[in-house]
């Protein structure tokens, strides 16, 4: 699963090293995080790092922005 996630993260159009490494560290701690992120990346292949981080924050970690 880690290899699949890493490949998907590295293929994001505006990816960067810390983005990939941060996600892999979270995935190592929580397998359900990895599964959710893989599903998101497969369903949103054109997502940018900002969109992915927004998804992680709101949908995986449950942190909603202050309005």
PDB file of N, CA and C in Angstrom:
ATOM      1  N   UNK A   1       0.824  -1.184   0.000  1.00  0.00           N
ATOM      2  CA  UNK A   1       0.000   0.000   0.000  1.00  0.00           C
ATOM      3  C   UNK A   1       0.877   1.261   0.000  1.00  0.00           C
ATOM      4  N   UNK A   2       1.985   1.230   0.738  1.00  0.00           N
ATOM      5  CA  UNK A   2       2.870   2.390   0.803  1.00  0.00           C
ATOM      6  C   UNK A   2       3.426   2.737  -0.576  1.00  0.00           C
ATOM      7  N   UNK A   3       3.804   1.721  -1.346  1.00  0.00           N
ATOM      8  CA  UNK A   3       4.354   1.971  -2.680  1.00  0.00           C
ATOM      9  C   UNK A   3       3.316   2.596  -3.598  1.00  0.00           C
ATOM     10  N   UNK A   4       2.081   2.104  -3.508  1.00  0.00           N
ATOM     11  CA  UNK A   4       1.007   2.652  -4.336  1.00  0.00           C
ATOM     12  C   UNK A   4       0.742   4.115  -3.963  1.00  0.00           C
ATOM     13  N   UNK A   5       0.679   4.391  -2.670  1.00  0.00           N
ATOM     14  CA  UNK A   5       0.441   5.754  -2.216  1.00  0.00           C
ATOM     15  C   UNK A   5       1.581   6.671  -2.655  1.00  0.00           C
ATOM     16  N   UNK A   6       2.799   6.226  -2.482  1.00  0.00           N
ATOM     17  CA  UNK A   6       3.955   7.036  -2.868  1.00  0.00           C
ATOM     18  C   UNK A   6       3.914   7.375  -4.357  1.00  0.00           C
ATOM     19  N   UNK A   7       3.605   6.394  -5.181  1.00  0.00           N
ATOM     20  CA  UNK A   7       3.537   6.620  -6.627  1.00  0.00           C
ATOM     21  C   UNK A   7       2.448   7.642  -6.970  1.00  0.00           C
ATOM     22  N   UNK A   8       1.287   7.501  -6.344  1.00  0.00           N
ATOM     23  CA  UNK A   8       0.195   8.438  -6.602  1.00  0.00           C
ATOM     24  C   UNK A   8       0.577   9.855  -6.173  1.00  0.00           C
ATOM     25  N   UNK A   9       1.203   9.985  -5.011  1.00  0.00           N
ATOM     26  CA  UNK A   9       1.610  11.299  -4.511  1.00  0.00           C
ATOM     27  C   UNK A   9       2.685  11.930  -5.398  1.00  0.00           C
ATOM     28  N   UNK A  10       3.601  11.124  -5.878  1.00  0.00           N
ATOM     29  CA  UNK A  10       4.670  11.636  -6.737  1.00  0.00           C
ATOM     30  C   UNK A  10       4.150  12.073  -8.099  1.00  0.00           C
ATOM     31  N   UNK A  11       2.979  11.593  -8.490  1.00  0.00           N
ATOM     32  CA  UNK A  11       2.398  11.954  -9.779  1.00  0.00           C
ATOM     33  C   UNK A  11       1.487  13.172  -9.720  1.00  0.00           C
ATOM     34  N   UNK A  12       1.299  13.757  -8.544  1.00  0.00           N
ATOM     35  CA  UNK A  12       0.501  14.979  -8.423  1.00  0.00           C
ATOM     36  C   UNK A  12       1.255  16.088  -9.160  1.00  0.00           C
ATOM     37  N   UNK A  13       0.533  16.889  -9.919  1.00  0.00           N
ATOM     38  CA  UNK A  13       1.176  17.859 -10.816  1.00  0.00           C
ATOM     39  C   UNK A  13       2.124  18.829 -10.117  1.00  0.00           C
ATOM     40  N   UNK A  14       1.790  19.263  -8.911  1.00  0.00           N
ATOM     41  CA  UNK A  14       2.646  20.231  -8.215  1.00  0.00           C
ATOM     42  C   UNK A  14       3.269  19.640  -6.938  1.00  0.00           C
ATOM     43  N   UNK A  15       3.553  18.349  -6.998  1.00  0.00           N
ATOM     44  CA  UNK A  15       4.082  17.656  -5.825  1.00  0.00           C
ATOM     45  C   UNK A  15       5.442  18.202  -5.401  1.00  0.00           C
ATOM     46  N   UNK A  16       5.773  17.953  -4.145  1.00  0.00           N
ATOM     47  CA  UNK A  16       7.083  18.331  -3.615  1.00  0.00           C
ATOM     48  C   UNK A  16       7.448  17.338  -2.515  1.00  0.00           C
ATOM     49  N   UNK A  17       8.726  17.261  -2.218  1.00  0.00           N
ATOM     50  CA  UNK A  17       9.273  16.238  -1.325  1.00  0.00           C
ATOM     51  C   UNK A  17       8.553  16.169   0.027  1.00  0.00           C
ATOM     52  N   UNK A  18       8.417  17.297   0.708  1.00  0.00           N
ATOM     53  CA  UNK A  18       7.807  17.287   2.042  1.00  0.00           C
ATOM     54  C   UNK A  18       6.338  16.879   2.000  1.00  0.00           C
ATOM     55  N   UNK A  19       5.651  17.182   0.928  1.00  0.00           N
ATOM     56  CA  UNK A  19       4.260  16.766   0.757  1.00  0.00           C
ATOM     57  C   UNK A  19       4.166  15.246   0.732  1.00  0.00           C
ATOM     58  N   UNK A  20       5.013  14.624  -0.074  1.00  0.00           N
ATOM     59  CA  UNK A  20       5.022  13.161  -0.185  1.00  0.00           C
ATOM     60  C   UNK A  20       5.434  12.526   1.140  1.00  0.00           C
ATOM     61  N   UNK A  21       6.521  13.002   1.718  1.00  0.00           N
ATOM     62  CA  UNK A  21       7.028  12.415   2.961  1.00  0.00           C
ATOM     63  C   UNK A  21       6.043  12.574   4.115  1.00  0.00           C
ATOM     64  N   UNK A  22       5.406  13.729   4.209  1.00  0.00           N
ATOM     65  CA  UNK A  22       4.419  13.953   5.271  1.00  0.00           C
ATOM     66  C   UNK A  22       3.260  12.987   5.177  1.00  0.00           C
ATOM     67  N   UNK A  23       2.766  12.775   3.969  1.00  0.00           N
ATOM     68  CA  UNK A  23       1.653  11.844   3.780  1.00  0.00           C
ATOM     69  C   UNK A  23       2.086  10.414   4.088  1.00  0.00           C
ATOM     70  N   UNK A  24       3.288  10.041   3.709  1.00  0.00           N
ATOM     71  CA  UNK A  24       3.766   8.685   3.982  1.00  0.00           C
ATOM     72  C   UNK A  24       3.966   8.451   5.479  1.00  0.00           C
ATOM     73  N   UNK A  25       4.381   9.475   6.203  1.00  0.00           N
ATOM     74  CA  UNK A  25       4.518   9.349   7.659  1.00  0.00           C
ATOM     75  C   UNK A  25       3.150   9.126   8.293  1.00  0.00           C
ATOM     76  N   UNK A  26       2.148   9.890   7.865  1.00  0.00           N
ATOM     77  CA  UNK A  26       0.787   9.697   8.386  1.00  0.00           C
ATOM     78  C   UNK A  26       0.262   8.308   8.040  1.00  0.00           C
ATOM     79  N   UNK A  27       0.535   7.854   6.827  1.00  0.00           N
ATOM     80  CA  UNK A  27       0.066   6.542   6.379  1.00  0.00           C
ATOM     81  C   UNK A  27       0.684   5.420   7.207  1.00  0.00           C
ATOM     82  N   UNK A  28       1.921   5.622   7.613  1.00  0.00           N
ATOM     83  CA  UNK A  28       2.601   4.618   8.432  1.00  0.00           C
ATOM     84  C   UNK A  28       1.936   4.492   9.808  1.00  0.00           C
ATOM     85  N   UNK A  29       1.425   5.608  10.323  1.00  0.00           N
ATOM     86  CA  UNK A  29       0.778   5.630  11.631  1.00  0.00           C
ATOM     87  C   UNK A  29      -0.654   5.111  11.579  1.00  0.00           C
ATOM     88  N   UNK A  30      -1.316   5.268  10.434  1.00  0.00           N
ATOM     89  CA  UNK A  30      -2.751   4.963  10.345  1.00  0.00           C
ATOM     90  C   UNK A  30      -3.093   4.416   8.956  1.00  0.00           C
ATOM     91  N   UNK A  31      -3.353   3.121   8.900  1.00  0.00           N
ATOM     92  CA  UNK A  31      -3.640   2.479   7.615  1.00  0.00           C
ATOM     93  C   UNK A  31      -4.923   3.010   6.977  1.00  0.00           C
ATOM     94  N   UNK A  32      -5.912   3.371   7.783  1.00  0.00           N
ATOM     95  CA  UNK A  32      -7.156   3.885   7.210  1.00  0.00           C
ATOM     96  C   UNK A  32      -6.923   5.233   6.517  1.00  0.00           C
ATOM     97  N   UNK A  33      -5.970   6.013   7.033  1.00  0.00           N
ATOM     98  CA  UNK A  33      -5.582   7.263   6.376  1.00  0.00           C
ATOM     99  C   UNK A  33      -5.087   6.954   4.962  1.00  0.00           C
ATOM    100  N   UNK A  34      -4.208   5.975   4.864  1.00  0.00           N
ATOM    101  CA  UNK A  34      -3.643   5.598   3.566  1.00  0.00           C
ATOM    102  C   UNK A  34      -4.738   5.158   2.606  1.00  0.00           C
ATOM    103  N   UNK A  35      -5.665   4.347   3.075  1.00  0.00           N
ATOM    104  CA  UNK A  35      -6.751   3.853   2.218  1.00  0.00           C
ATOM    105  C   UNK A  35      -7.612   5.010   1.710  1.00  0.00           C
ATOM    106  N   UNK A  36      -7.971   5.922   2.611  1.00  0.00           N
ATOM    107  CA  UNK A  36      -8.797   7.071   2.211  1.00  0.00           C
ATOM    108  C   UNK A  36      -8.064   7.963   1.217  1.00  0.00           C
ATOM    109  N   UNK A  37      -6.786   8.196   1.460  1.00  0.00           N
ATOM    110  CA  UNK A  37      -6.023   9.065   0.573  1.00  0.00           C
ATOM    111  C   UNK A  37      -5.823   8.424  -0.799  1.00  0.00           C
ATOM    112  N   UNK A  38      -5.559   7.131  -0.836  1.00  0.00           N
ATOM    113  CA  UNK A  38      -5.427   6.420  -2.111  1.00  0.00           C
ATOM    114  C   UNK A  38      -6.725   6.513  -2.896  1.00  0.00           C
ATOM    115  N   UNK A  39      -7.852   6.275  -2.226  1.00  0.00           N
ATOM    116  CA  UNK A  39      -9.152   6.376  -2.905  1.00  0.00           C
ATOM    117  C   UNK A  39      -9.366   7.779  -3.471  1.00  0.00           C
ATOM    118  N   UNK A  40      -9.039   8.796  -2.660  1.00  0.00           N
ATOM    119  CA  UNK A  40      -9.209  10.173  -3.121  1.00  0.00           C
ATOM    120  C   UNK A  40      -8.340  10.452  -4.343  1.00  0.00           C
ATOM    121  N   UNK A  41      -7.088  10.044  -4.270  1.00  0.00           N
ATOM    122  CA  UNK A  41      -6.166  10.308  -5.381  1.00  0.00           C
ATOM    123  C   UNK A  41      -6.597   9.583  -6.658  1.00  0.00           C
ATOM    124  N   UNK A  42      -7.095   8.380  -6.529  1.00  0.00           N
ATOM    125  CA  UNK A  42      -7.561   7.639  -7.711  1.00  0.00           C
ATOM    126  C   UNK A  42      -8.803   8.286  -8.315  1.00  0.00           C
ATOM    127  N   UNK A  43      -9.685   8.811  -7.457  1.00  0.00           N
ATOM    128  CA  UNK A  43     -10.922   9.432  -7.931  1.00  0.00           C
ATOM    129  C   UNK A  43     -10.737  10.878  -8.365  1.00  0.00           C
ATOM    130  N   UNK A  44      -9.597  11.474  -8.012  1.00  0.00           N
ATOM    131  CA  UNK A  44      -9.316  12.869  -8.344  1.00  0.00           C
ATOM    132  C   UNK A  44      -7.890  12.989  -8.881  1.00  0.00           C
ATOM    133  N   UNK A  45      -7.613  12.380 -10.025  1.00  0.00           N
ATOM    134  CA  UNK A  45      -6.235  12.335 -10.531  1.00  0.00           C
ATOM    135  C   UNK A  45      -5.641  13.701 -10.880  1.00  0.00           C
ATOM    136  N   UNK A  46      -6.479  14.710 -11.045  1.00  0.00           N
ATOM    137  CA  UNK A  46      -5.986  16.039 -11.385  1.00  0.00           C
ATOM    138  C   UNK A  46      -5.909  16.971 -10.174  1.00  0.00           C
ATOM    139  N   UNK A  47      -6.122  16.434  -8.984  1.00  0.00           N
ATOM    140  CA  UNK A  47      -6.086  17.261  -7.775  1.00  0.00           C
ATOM    141  C   UNK A  47      -4.688  17.825  -7.547  1.00  0.00           C
ATOM    142  N   UNK A  48      -4.656  19.056  -7.069  1.00  0.00           N
ATOM    143  CA  UNK A  48      -3.384  19.692  -6.723  1.00  0.00           C
ATOM    144  C   UNK A  48      -3.044  19.372  -5.266  1.00  0.00           C
ATOM    145  N   UNK A  49      -1.838  19.701  -4.871  1.00  0.00           N
ATOM    146  CA  UNK A  49      -1.452  19.459  -3.475  1.00  0.00           C
ATOM    147  C   UNK A  49      -2.364  20.232  -2.523  1.00  0.00           C
ATOM    148  N   UNK A  50      -2.746  21.434  -2.880  1.00  0.00           N
ATOM    149  CA  UNK A  50      -3.638  22.228  -2.024  1.00  0.00           C
ATOM    150  C   UNK A  50      -4.986  21.546  -1.853  1.00  0.00           C
ATOM    151  N   UNK A  51      -5.529  21.009  -2.930  1.00  0.00           N
ATOM    152  CA  UNK A  51      -6.816  20.311  -2.853  1.00  0.00           C
ATOM    153  C   UNK A  51      -6.698  19.038  -2.015  1.00  0.00           C
ATOM    154  N   UNK A  52      -5.591  18.353  -2.149  1.00  0.00           N
ATOM    155  CA  UNK A  52      -5.366  17.119  -1.390  1.00  0.00           C
ATOM    156  C   UNK A  52      -5.210  17.439   0.092  1.00  0.00           C
ATOM    157  N   UNK A  53      -4.463  18.476   0.417  1.00  0.00           N
ATOM    158  CA  UNK A  53      -4.290  18.873   1.814  1.00  0.00           C
ATOM    159  C   UNK A  53      -5.630  19.308   2.408  1.00  0.00           C
ATOM    160  N   UNK A  54      -6.435  20.011   1.638  1.00  0.00           N
ATOM    161  CA  UNK A  54      -7.771  20.413   2.102  1.00  0.00           C
ATOM    162  C   UNK A  54      -8.611  19.172   2.392  1.00  0.00           C
ATOM    163  N   UNK A  55      -8.580  18.193   1.508  1.00  0.00           N
ATOM    164  CA  UNK A  55      -9.314  16.941   1.723  1.00  0.00           C
ATOM    165  C   UNK A  55      -8.825  16.244   2.992  1.00  0.00           C
ATOM    166  N   UNK A  56      -7.508  16.121   3.135  1.00  0.00           N
ATOM    167  CA  UNK A  56      -6.940  15.484   4.332  1.00  0.00           C
ATOM    168  C   UNK A  56      -7.426  16.188   5.596  1.00  0.00           C
ATOM    169  N   UNK A  57      -7.307  17.486   5.608  1.00  0.00           N
ATOM    170  CA  UNK A  57      -7.637  18.271   6.793  1.00  0.00           C
ATOM    171  C   UNK A  57      -9.108  18.128   7.168  1.00  0.00           C
ATOM    172  N   UNK A  58      -9.984  18.301   6.190  1.00  0.00           N
ATOM    173  CA  UNK A  58     -11.413  18.303   6.468  1.00  0.00           C
ATOM    174  C   UNK A  58     -12.014  16.909   6.585  1.00  0.00           C
ATOM    175  N   UNK A  59     -11.672  16.021   5.673  1.00  0.00           N
ATOM    176  CA  UNK A  59     -12.348  14.728   5.607  1.00  0.00           C
ATOM    177  C   UNK A  59     -11.659  13.619   6.401  1.00  0.00           C
ATOM    178  N   UNK A  60     -10.360  13.639   6.441  1.00  0.00           N
ATOM    179  CA  UNK A  60      -9.642  12.567   7.161  1.00  0.00           C
ATOM    180  C   UNK A  60      -9.408  12.958   8.611  1.00  0.00           C
ATOM    181  N   UNK A  61      -8.893  14.180   8.829  1.00  0.00           N
ATOM    182  CA  UNK A  61      -8.583  14.608  10.195  1.00  0.00           C
ATOM    183  C   UNK A  61      -9.791  15.258  10.886  1.00  0.00           C
ATOM    184  N   UNK A  62     -10.810  15.620  10.111  1.00  0.00           N
ATOM    185  CA  UNK A  62     -12.025  16.192  10.690  1.00  0.00           C
ATOM    186  C   UNK A  62     -11.888  17.615  11.194  1.00  0.00           C
ATOM    187  N   UNK A  63     -10.948  18.355  10.635  1.00  0.00           N
ATOM    188  CA  UNK A  63     -10.752  19.751  11.033  1.00  0.00           C
ATOM    189  C   UNK A  63     -11.437  20.642  10.004  1.00  0.00           C
ATOM    190  N   UNK A  64     -12.420  21.376  10.442  1.00  0.00           N
ATOM    191  CA  UNK A  64     -13.160  22.259   9.537  1.00  0.00           C
ATOM    192  C   UNK A  64     -12.596  23.672   9.624  1.00  0.00           C
ATOM    193  N   UNK A  65     -12.574  24.390   8.506  1.00  0.00           N
ATOM    194  CA  UNK A  65     -12.058  25.756   8.525  1.00  0.00           C
ATOM    195  C   UNK A  65     -12.983  26.681   9.318  1.00  0.00           C
ATOM    196  N   UNK A  66     -12.411  27.716   9.855  1.00  0.00           N
ATOM    197  CA  UNK A  66     -13.206  28.732  10.562  1.00  0.00           C
ATOM    198  C   UNK A  66     -13.821  29.645   9.519  1.00  0.00           C
ATOM    199  N   UNK A  67     -15.101  29.840   9.621  1.00  0.00           N
ATOM    200  CA  UNK A  67     -15.805  30.694   8.634  1.00  0.00           C
ATOM    201  C   UNK A  67     -15.821  32.127   9.048  1.00  0.00           C
TER     202      UNK A  67
END
